[in-house]
């Protein structure tokens, strides 16, 4: 009889403990499912998620999503440095993570974005038609004739421009803003190593300024206002152009693609 009473008492204890656990779990879930922030809110986020406030590393950002599903997480877009992509940080919507976010006033900075362009094969494309460099045609040429500027421009552009491989990214374009052919000079074997010229071979220097863009799925990499010398010459019966001295590296930046 006493054994039966003990079994009944133990059963009630288990029921009480289970009920208490469920109540605590329900309370915890209720607390977790009441987000303090909403999409578009400006915040400061501790990107280190430090256990101690003294070790926190605060950065300004914007709440871009509030996930109230089982994940229970804020997605914060950290304000990017100039020419850089924004960093994405995920902060749990849980009591233990309350100290990793704090409210911030003001408006979010305007972040430059580009639109992703792909073809039917999911190949990332440039934002304009690229030169068909594989099928670039030119009439027969001879050493000593004037440099055909329009052709030289295309030959130089074809050194940089390229489509992406099918199904891939990395298409690259060259937008020339300045194109200045110089006076011809004689072939110099110490400088003009691209071809086996002679003392009578003429080389045409060309100064070019351009902006180069490489198209990826998540970003576009841009080098603006790069300046470089190129050399153009006739070898056998065709014009060729090659790289020469870099005059200015240009300004680099990365633009987010959506």
C-alpha atoms as a PDB file:
ATOM      1  CA  UNK A   1       0.000   0.000   0.000  1.00  0.00           C
ATOM      2  CA  UNK A   2       2.766   2.400   0.914  1.00  0.00           C
ATOM      3  CA  UNK A   3       4.520   1.473  -2.342  1.00  0.00           C
ATOM      4  CA  UNK A   4       1.405   2.400  -4.316  1.00  0.00           C
ATOM      5  CA  UNK A   5       1.169   5.740  -2.523  1.00  0.00           C
ATOM      6  CA  UNK A   6       4.811   6.414  -3.333  1.00  0.00           C
ATOM      7  CA  UNK A   7       4.215   5.617  -6.998  1.00  0.00           C
ATOM      8  CA  UNK A   8       1.225   7.973  -7.107  1.00  0.00           C
ATOM      9  CA  UNK A   9       3.217  10.725  -5.380  1.00  0.00           C
ATOM     10  CA  UNK A  10       6.105  10.253  -7.783  1.00  0.00           C
ATOM     11  CA  UNK A  11       3.730  10.440 -10.741  1.00  0.00           C
ATOM     12  CA  UNK A  12       2.309  13.730  -9.473  1.00  0.00           C
ATOM     13  CA  UNK A  13       5.798  15.101  -8.972  1.00  0.00           C
ATOM     14  CA  UNK A  14       6.682  14.233 -12.558  1.00  0.00           C
ATOM     15  CA  UNK A  15       3.485  15.867 -13.798  1.00  0.00           C
ATOM     16  CA  UNK A  16       4.222  19.025 -11.796  1.00  0.00           C
ATOM     17  CA  UNK A  17       7.811  19.169 -13.032  1.00  0.00           C
ATOM     18  CA  UNK A  18       6.723  18.638 -16.617  1.00  0.00           C
ATOM     19  CA  UNK A  19       4.052  21.340 -16.316  1.00  0.00           C
ATOM     20  CA  UNK A  20       6.546  23.738 -14.784  1.00  0.00           C
ATOM     21  CA  UNK A  21       9.064  23.021 -17.548  1.00  0.00           C
ATOM     22  CA  UNK A  22       6.464  23.582 -20.233  1.00  0.00           C
ATOM     23  CA  UNK A  23       5.385  26.818 -18.567  1.00  0.00           C
ATOM     24  CA  UNK A  24       8.976  28.048 -18.415  1.00  0.00           C
ATOM     25  CA  UNK A  25       9.522  27.043 -22.034  1.00  0.00           C
ATOM     26  CA  UNK A  26       6.345  28.813 -23.093  1.00  0.00           C
ATOM     27  CA  UNK A  27       7.406  31.919 -21.183  1.00  0.00           C
ATOM     28  CA  UNK A  28      10.866  31.800 -22.763  1.00  0.00           C
ATOM     29  CA  UNK A  29       9.373  31.405 -26.242  1.00  0.00           C
ATOM     30  CA  UNK A  30       6.935  34.238 -25.630  1.00  0.00           C
ATOM     31  CA  UNK A  31       9.777  36.502 -24.561  1.00  0.00           C
ATOM     32  CA  UNK A  32      11.884  35.452 -27.528  1.00  0.00           C
ATOM     33  CA  UNK A  33       9.040  36.127 -29.960  1.00  0.00           C
ATOM     34  CA  UNK A  34       8.589  39.755 -28.979  1.00  0.00           C
ATOM     35  CA  UNK A  35      11.230  41.570 -31.064  1.00  0.00           C
ATOM     36  CA  UNK A  36      12.335  44.938 -29.772  1.00  0.00           C
ATOM     37  CA  UNK A  37      13.300  46.145 -33.263  1.00  0.00           C
ATOM     38  CA  UNK A  38      11.639  46.138 -36.661  1.00  0.00           C
ATOM     39  CA  UNK A  39      12.877  46.243 -40.254  1.00  0.00           C
ATOM     40  CA  UNK A  40      14.430  49.598 -41.097  1.00  0.00           C
ATOM     41  CA  UNK A  41      15.401  50.471 -37.519  1.00  0.00           C
ATOM     42  CA  UNK A  42      18.803  52.068 -37.124  1.00  0.00           C
ATOM     43  CA  UNK A  43      20.926  50.330 -34.499  1.00  0.00           C
ATOM     44  CA  UNK A  44      24.422  49.896 -33.202  1.00  0.00           C
ATOM     45  CA  UNK A  45      25.515  46.274 -33.236  1.00  0.00           C
ATOM     46  CA  UNK A  46      28.308  44.608 -31.284  1.00  0.00           C
ATOM     47  CA  UNK A  47      29.978  42.727 -34.132  1.00  0.00           C
ATOM     48  CA  UNK A  48      32.071  40.732 -31.634  1.00  0.00           C
ATOM     49  CA  UNK A  49      29.001  39.586 -29.658  1.00  0.00           C
ATOM     50  CA  UNK A  50      31.117  40.092 -26.570  1.00  0.00           C
ATOM     51  CA  UNK A  51      30.244  38.570 -23.209  1.00  0.00           C
ATOM     52  CA  UNK A  52      31.512  41.709 -21.484  1.00  0.00           C
ATOM     53  CA  UNK A  53      30.444  45.234 -22.546  1.00  0.00           C
ATOM     54  CA  UNK A  54      34.071  46.324 -22.130  1.00  0.00           C
ATOM     55  CA  UNK A  55      35.038  44.085 -25.058  1.00  0.00           C
ATOM     56  CA  UNK A  56      32.223  45.154 -27.403  1.00  0.00           C
ATOM     57  CA  UNK A  57      32.964  46.505 -30.873  1.00  0.00           C
ATOM     58  CA  UNK A  58      30.090  48.754 -31.887  1.00  0.00           C
ATOM     59  CA  UNK A  59      29.237  49.523 -35.500  1.00  0.00           C
ATOM     60  CA  UNK A  60      26.303  51.413 -36.979  1.00  0.00           C
ATOM     61  CA  UNK A  61      23.814  49.499 -39.065  1.00  0.00           C
ATOM     62  CA  UNK A  62      20.236  48.898 -40.137  1.00  0.00           C
ATOM     63  CA  UNK A  63      17.869  46.022 -39.346  1.00  0.00           C
ATOM     64  CA  UNK A  64      17.018  44.533 -42.751  1.00  0.00           C
ATOM     65  CA  UNK A  65      15.044  41.447 -41.646  1.00  0.00           C
ATOM     66  CA  UNK A  66      13.351  40.250 -38.470  1.00  0.00           C
ATOM     67  CA  UNK A  67      12.965  36.459 -38.561  1.00  0.00           C
ATOM     68  CA  UNK A  68      10.360  35.342 -36.004  1.00  0.00           C
ATOM     69  CA  UNK A  69      10.329  31.717 -37.136  1.00  0.00           C
ATOM     70  CA  UNK A  70      12.242  29.034 -35.247  1.00  0.00           C
ATOM     71  CA  UNK A  71      15.481  30.852 -36.160  1.00  0.00           C
ATOM     72  CA  UNK A  72      14.483  33.962 -34.168  1.00  0.00           C
ATOM     73  CA  UNK A  73      17.170  36.301 -35.466  1.00  0.00           C
ATOM     74  CA  UNK A  74      17.762  39.885 -36.562  1.00  0.00           C
ATOM     75  CA  UNK A  75      19.740  40.446 -39.748  1.00  0.00           C
ATOM     76  CA  UNK A  76      21.726  43.677 -39.541  1.00  0.00           C
ATOM     77  CA  UNK A  77      23.428  45.382 -42.478  1.00  0.00           C
ATOM     78  CA  UNK A  78      26.452  47.227 -41.136  1.00  0.00           C
ATOM     79  CA  UNK A  79      27.187  50.610 -42.706  1.00  0.00           C
ATOM     80  CA  UNK A  80      30.008  49.991 -45.225  1.00  0.00           C
ATOM     81  CA  UNK A  81      33.222  51.924 -45.554  1.00  0.00           C
ATOM     82  CA  UNK A  82      33.540  53.907 -48.835  1.00  0.00           C
ATOM     83  CA  UNK A  83      34.033  51.564 -51.777  1.00  0.00           C
ATOM     84  CA  UNK A  84      33.423  48.440 -49.680  1.00  0.00           C
ATOM     85  CA  UNK A  85      30.535  45.991 -49.419  1.00  0.00           C
ATOM     86  CA  UNK A  86      28.281  46.139 -46.345  1.00  0.00           C
ATOM     87  CA  UNK A  87      28.889  43.493 -43.690  1.00  0.00           C
ATOM     88  CA  UNK A  88      25.940  41.322 -42.637  1.00  0.00           C
ATOM     89  CA  UNK A  89      25.554  40.353 -38.966  1.00  0.00           C
ATOM     90  CA  UNK A  90      22.978  37.982 -37.452  1.00  0.00           C
ATOM     91  CA  UNK A  91      21.883  38.627 -33.853  1.00  0.00           C
ATOM     92  CA  UNK A  92      19.587  36.130 -32.055  1.00  0.00           C
ATOM     93  CA  UNK A  93      16.280  37.432 -30.733  1.00  0.00           C
ATOM     94  CA  UNK A  94      16.979  35.950 -27.328  1.00  0.00           C
ATOM     95  CA  UNK A  95      17.391  37.448 -23.841  1.00  0.00           C
ATOM     96  CA  UNK A  96      21.088  36.559 -23.723  1.00  0.00           C
ATOM     97  CA  UNK A  97      21.699  38.656 -26.862  1.00  0.00           C
ATOM     98  CA  UNK A  98      19.892  41.817 -25.692  1.00  0.00           C
ATOM     99  CA  UNK A  99      23.199  43.573 -25.042  1.00  0.00           C
ATOM    100  CA  UNK A 100      24.453  43.104 -28.607  1.00  0.00           C
ATOM    101  CA  UNK A 101      22.084  45.700 -30.075  1.00  0.00           C
ATOM    102  CA  UNK A 102      21.214  49.201 -29.025  1.00  0.00           C
ATOM    103  CA  UNK A 103      18.979  51.796 -30.715  1.00  0.00           C
ATOM    104  CA  UNK A 104      20.415  54.500 -32.941  1.00  0.00           C
ATOM    105  CA  UNK A 105      18.704  57.501 -34.454  1.00  0.00           C
ATOM    106  CA  UNK A 106      19.106  59.067 -37.872  1.00  0.00           C
ATOM    107  CA  UNK A 107      18.806  57.797 -41.423  1.00  0.00           C
ATOM    108  CA  UNK A 108      20.744  54.972 -43.013  1.00  0.00           C
ATOM    109  CA  UNK A 109      23.450  55.967 -45.516  1.00  0.00           C
ATOM    110  CA  UNK A 110      22.653  55.520 -49.189  1.00  0.00           C
ATOM    111  CA  UNK A 111      24.430  52.386 -50.401  1.00  0.00           C
ATOM    112  CA  UNK A 112      25.233  52.141 -54.102  1.00  0.00           C
ATOM    113  CA  UNK A 113      23.881  48.998 -55.756  1.00  0.00           C
ATOM    114  CA  UNK A 114      23.843  47.516 -59.250  1.00  0.00           C
ATOM    115  CA  UNK A 115      21.389  45.110 -60.813  1.00  0.00           C
ATOM    116  CA  UNK A 116      22.465  41.557 -61.593  1.00  0.00           C
ATOM    117  CA  UNK A 117      22.133  40.594 -65.256  1.00  0.00           C
ATOM    118  CA  UNK A 118      22.213  36.964 -66.396  1.00  0.00           C
ATOM    119  CA  UNK A 119      21.362  35.201 -69.650  1.00  0.00           C
ATOM    120  CA  UNK A 120      19.388  31.990 -70.246  1.00  0.00           C
ATOM    121  CA  UNK A 121      22.438  29.929 -69.212  1.00  0.00           C
ATOM    122  CA  UNK A 122      22.764  31.823 -65.893  1.00  0.00           C
ATOM    123  CA  UNK A 123      25.920  33.504 -67.187  1.00  0.00           C
ATOM    124  CA  UNK A 124      26.580  36.886 -65.582  1.00  0.00           C
ATOM    125  CA  UNK A 125      26.649  39.583 -68.261  1.00  0.00           C
ATOM    126  CA  UNK A 126      28.137  43.058 -68.442  1.00  0.00           C
ATOM    127  CA  UNK A 127      25.728  45.992 -68.465  1.00  0.00           C
ATOM    128  CA  UNK A 128      26.386  46.625 -72.147  1.00  0.00           C
ATOM    129  CA  UNK A 129      27.327  44.584 -75.190  1.00  0.00           C
ATOM    130  CA  UNK A 130      31.026  43.741 -75.225  1.00  0.00           C
ATOM    131  CA  UNK A 131      33.256  43.815 -78.272  1.00  0.00           C
ATOM    132  CA  UNK A 132      33.368  40.582 -80.254  1.00  0.00           C
ATOM    133  CA  UNK A 133      37.136  40.387 -79.984  1.00  0.00           C
ATOM    134  CA  UNK A 134      37.400  36.836 -81.329  1.00  0.00           C
ATOM    135  CA  UNK A 135      35.958  37.969 -84.650  1.00  0.00           C
ATOM    136  CA  UNK A 136      37.584  41.395 -84.877  1.00  0.00           C
ATOM    137  CA  UNK A 137      38.659  41.891 -88.475  1.00  0.00           C
ATOM    138  CA  UNK A 138      41.217  44.289 -89.925  1.00  0.00           C
ATOM    139  CA  UNK A 139      42.643  44.943 -93.394  1.00  0.00           C
ATOM    140  CA  UNK A 140      46.261  44.021 -94.247  1.00  0.00           C
ATOM    141  CA  UNK A 141      48.781  46.390 -92.677  1.00  0.00           C
ATOM    142  CA  UNK A 142      52.406  47.318 -93.310  1.00  0.00           C
ATOM    143  CA  UNK A 143      55.120  48.827 -91.164  1.00  0.00           C
ATOM    144  CA  UNK A 144      55.375  52.603 -91.509  1.00  0.00           C
ATOM    145  CA  UNK A 145      51.742  53.374 -92.265  1.00  0.00           C
ATOM    146  CA  UNK A 146      49.850  55.705 -89.900  1.00  0.00           C
ATOM    147  CA  UNK A 147      48.195  54.136 -86.883  1.00  0.00           C
ATOM    148  CA  UNK A 148      44.462  53.593 -87.547  1.00  0.00           C
ATOM    149  CA  UNK A 149      43.100  55.107 -84.333  1.00  0.00           C
ATOM    150  CA  UNK A 150      39.666  53.424 -84.445  1.00  0.00           C
ATOM    151  CA  UNK A 151      41.236  49.993 -84.907  1.00  0.00           C
ATOM    152  CA  UNK A 152      43.876  50.636 -82.223  1.00  0.00           C
ATOM    153  CA  UNK A 153      41.145  51.615 -79.794  1.00  0.00           C
ATOM    154  CA  UNK A 154      39.375  48.306 -80.372  1.00  0.00           C
ATOM    155  CA  UNK A 155      42.599  46.315 -80.118  1.00  0.00           C
ATOM    156  CA  UNK A 156      43.382  47.946 -76.770  1.00  0.00           C
ATOM    157  CA  UNK A 157      39.822  47.452 -75.575  1.00  0.00           C
ATOM    158  CA  UNK A 158      40.103  43.762 -76.453  1.00  0.00           C
ATOM    159  CA  UNK A 159      43.089  43.453 -74.120  1.00  0.00           C
ATOM    160  CA  UNK A 160      40.732  44.128 -71.209  1.00  0.00           C
ATOM    161  CA  UNK A 161      37.208  43.204 -72.258  1.00  0.00           C
ATOM    162  CA  UNK A 162      35.996  39.631 -72.028  1.00  0.00           C
ATOM    163  CA  UNK A 163      32.708  37.790 -71.510  1.00  0.00           C
ATOM    164  CA  UNK A 164      32.231  35.370 -68.643  1.00  0.00           C
ATOM    165  CA  UNK A 165      32.519  31.645 -69.256  1.00  0.00           C
ATOM    166  CA  UNK A 166      29.122  29.966 -69.794  1.00  0.00           C
ATOM    167  CA  UNK A 167      27.283  29.605 -66.487  1.00  0.00           C
ATOM    168  CA  UNK A 168      29.924  31.617 -64.632  1.00  0.00           C
ATOM    169  CA  UNK A 169      30.679  35.241 -63.753  1.00  0.00           C
ATOM    170  CA  UNK A 170      33.657  37.566 -64.263  1.00  0.00           C
ATOM    171  CA  UNK A 171      32.616  39.438 -67.412  1.00  0.00           C
ATOM    172  CA  UNK A 172      34.764  42.552 -67.810  1.00  0.00           C
ATOM    173  CA  UNK A 173      34.288  45.780 -69.724  1.00  0.00           C
ATOM    174  CA  UNK A 174      36.552  48.725 -70.523  1.00  0.00           C
ATOM    175  CA  UNK A 175      35.006  52.182 -70.911  1.00  0.00           C
ATOM    176  CA  UNK A 176      37.633  54.459 -72.466  1.00  0.00           C
ATOM    177  CA  UNK A 177      37.328  58.144 -71.601  1.00  0.00           C
ATOM    178  CA  UNK A 178      40.609  59.405 -73.080  1.00  0.00           C
ATOM    179  CA  UNK A 179      42.569  57.980 -76.017  1.00  0.00           C
ATOM    180  CA  UNK A 180      45.688  59.836 -77.142  1.00  0.00           C
ATOM    181  CA  UNK A 181      48.034  58.282 -79.764  1.00  0.00           C
ATOM    182  CA  UNK A 182      51.559  59.703 -79.677  1.00  0.00           C
ATOM    183  CA  UNK A 183      54.187  60.242 -82.360  1.00  0.00           C
ATOM    184  CA  UNK A 184      55.779  57.024 -83.679  1.00  0.00           C
ATOM    185  CA  UNK A 185      59.256  56.029 -82.580  1.00  0.00           C
ATOM    186  CA  UNK A 186      61.770  53.384 -83.613  1.00  0.00           C
ATOM    187  CA  UNK A 187      61.621  49.879 -82.169  1.00  0.00           C
ATOM    188  CA  UNK A 188      63.724  49.484 -79.004  1.00  0.00           C
ATOM    189  CA  UNK A 189      64.713  45.857 -78.238  1.00  0.00           C
ATOM    190  CA  UNK A 190      65.065  46.675 -74.507  1.00  0.00           C
ATOM    191  CA  UNK A 191      61.518  48.020 -74.262  1.00  0.00           C
ATOM    192  CA  UNK A 192      59.574  46.463 -77.095  1.00  0.00           C
ATOM    193  CA  UNK A 193      59.892  42.801 -76.244  1.00  0.00           C
ATOM    194  CA  UNK A 194      56.451  41.822 -77.521  1.00  0.00           C
ATOM    195  CA  UNK A 195      57.653  41.316 -81.063  1.00  0.00           C
ATOM    196  CA  UNK A 196      60.896  40.853 -82.990  1.00  0.00           C
ATOM    197  CA  UNK A 197      61.186  44.177 -84.752  1.00  0.00           C
ATOM    198  CA  UNK A 198      64.009  45.720 -86.721  1.00  0.00           C
ATOM    199  CA  UNK A 199      65.692  49.117 -86.801  1.00  0.00           C
ATOM    200  CA  UNK A 200      63.044  50.225 -89.280  1.00  0.00           C
ATOM    201  CA  UNK A 201      60.051  49.045 -87.253  1.00  0.00           C
ATOM    202  CA  UNK A 202      57.823  51.815 -85.939  1.00  0.00           C
ATOM    203  CA  UNK A 203      56.074  51.682 -82.600  1.00  0.00           C
ATOM    204  CA  UNK A 204      53.110  53.931 -81.768  1.00  0.00           C
ATOM    205  CA  UNK A 205      52.644  54.816 -78.071  1.00  0.00           C
ATOM    206  CA  UNK A 206      49.054  55.425 -76.963  1.00  0.00           C
ATOM    207  CA  UNK A 207      47.984  56.967 -73.675  1.00  0.00           C
ATOM    208  CA  UNK A 208      44.638  55.643 -72.452  1.00  0.00           C
ATOM    209  CA  UNK A 209      42.393  56.539 -69.527  1.00  0.00           C
ATOM    210  CA  UNK A 210      39.519  54.212 -68.721  1.00  0.00           C
ATOM    211  CA  UNK A 211      37.173  52.689 -66.157  1.00  0.00           C
ATOM    212  CA  UNK A 212      37.173  48.926 -65.822  1.00  0.00           C
ATOM    213  CA  UNK A 213      34.267  46.937 -64.363  1.00  0.00           C
ATOM    214  CA  UNK A 214      34.248  43.219 -63.549  1.00  0.00           C
ATOM    215  CA  UNK A 215      30.787  41.725 -63.052  1.00  0.00           C
ATOM    216  CA  UNK A 216      30.247  39.080 -60.357  1.00  0.00           C
ATOM    217  CA  UNK A 217      27.092  37.601 -58.863  1.00  0.00           C
ATOM    218  CA  UNK A 218      27.304  39.447 -55.557  1.00  0.00           C
ATOM    219  CA  UNK A 219      29.332  42.533 -56.479  1.00  0.00           C
ATOM    220  CA  UNK A 220      30.834  44.572 -59.292  1.00  0.00           C
ATOM    221  CA  UNK A 221      34.524  45.449 -58.924  1.00  0.00           C
ATOM    222  CA  UNK A 222      35.368  48.838 -60.418  1.00  0.00           C
ATOM    223  CA  UNK A 223      38.690  50.526 -61.173  1.00  0.00           C
ATOM    224  CA  UNK A 224      37.916  54.119 -62.129  1.00  0.00           C
ATOM    225  CA  UNK A 225      40.138  56.478 -64.111  1.00  0.00           C
ATOM    226  CA  UNK A 226      43.060  54.145 -64.618  1.00  0.00           C
ATOM    227  CA  UNK A 227      45.768  55.511 -66.921  1.00  0.00           C
ATOM    228  CA  UNK A 228      48.315  53.471 -68.837  1.00  0.00           C
ATOM    229  CA  UNK A 229      50.524  53.566 -71.887  1.00  0.00           C
ATOM    230  CA  UNK A 230      50.056  51.014 -74.661  1.00  0.00           C
ATOM    231  CA  UNK A 231      52.223  50.335 -77.695  1.00  0.00           C
ATOM    232  CA  UNK A 232      50.884  49.455 -81.136  1.00  0.00           C
ATOM    233  CA  UNK A 233      52.898  48.069 -84.034  1.00  0.00           C
ATOM    234  CA  UNK A 234      52.658  46.022 -87.236  1.00  0.00           C
ATOM    235  CA  UNK A 235      53.898  42.457 -87.142  1.00  0.00           C
ATOM    236  CA  UNK A 236      53.895  40.654 -90.503  1.00  0.00           C
ATOM    237  CA  UNK A 237      50.686  42.179 -91.908  1.00  0.00           C
ATOM    238  CA  UNK A 238      48.509  42.912 -88.856  1.00  0.00           C
ATOM    239  CA  UNK A 239      48.282  45.576 -86.165  1.00  0.00           C
ATOM    240  CA  UNK A 240      48.862  44.545 -82.574  1.00  0.00           C
ATOM    241  CA  UNK A 241      48.673  46.538 -79.341  1.00  0.00           C
ATOM    242  CA  UNK A 242      50.156  45.631 -75.964  1.00  0.00           C
ATOM    243  CA  UNK A 243      50.456  46.894 -72.415  1.00  0.00           C
ATOM    244  CA  UNK A 244      53.178  49.344 -71.422  1.00  0.00           C
ATOM    245  CA  UNK A 245      53.818  51.622 -68.427  1.00  0.00           C
ATOM    246  CA  UNK A 246      51.073  52.138 -65.821  1.00  0.00           C
ATOM    247  CA  UNK A 247      50.714  55.865 -65.151  1.00  0.00           C
ATOM    248  CA  UNK A 248      47.913  55.753 -62.579  1.00  0.00           C
ATOM    249  CA  UNK A 249      46.411  52.737 -60.833  1.00  0.00           C
ATOM    250  CA  UNK A 250      42.941  54.244 -60.546  1.00  0.00           C
ATOM    251  CA  UNK A 251      40.411  54.283 -57.715  1.00  0.00           C
ATOM    252  CA  UNK A 252      39.046  50.897 -56.676  1.00  0.00           C
ATOM    253  CA  UNK A 253      35.614  50.239 -55.254  1.00  0.00           C
ATOM    254  CA  UNK A 254      33.164  47.375 -54.926  1.00  0.00           C
ATOM    255  CA  UNK A 255      29.434  47.804 -55.544  1.00  0.00           C
ATOM    256  CA  UNK A 256      26.806  45.449 -54.136  1.00  0.00           C
ATOM    257  CA  UNK A 257      24.708  43.566 -56.688  1.00  0.00           C
ATOM    258  CA  UNK A 258      21.047  42.715 -56.113  1.00  0.00           C
END
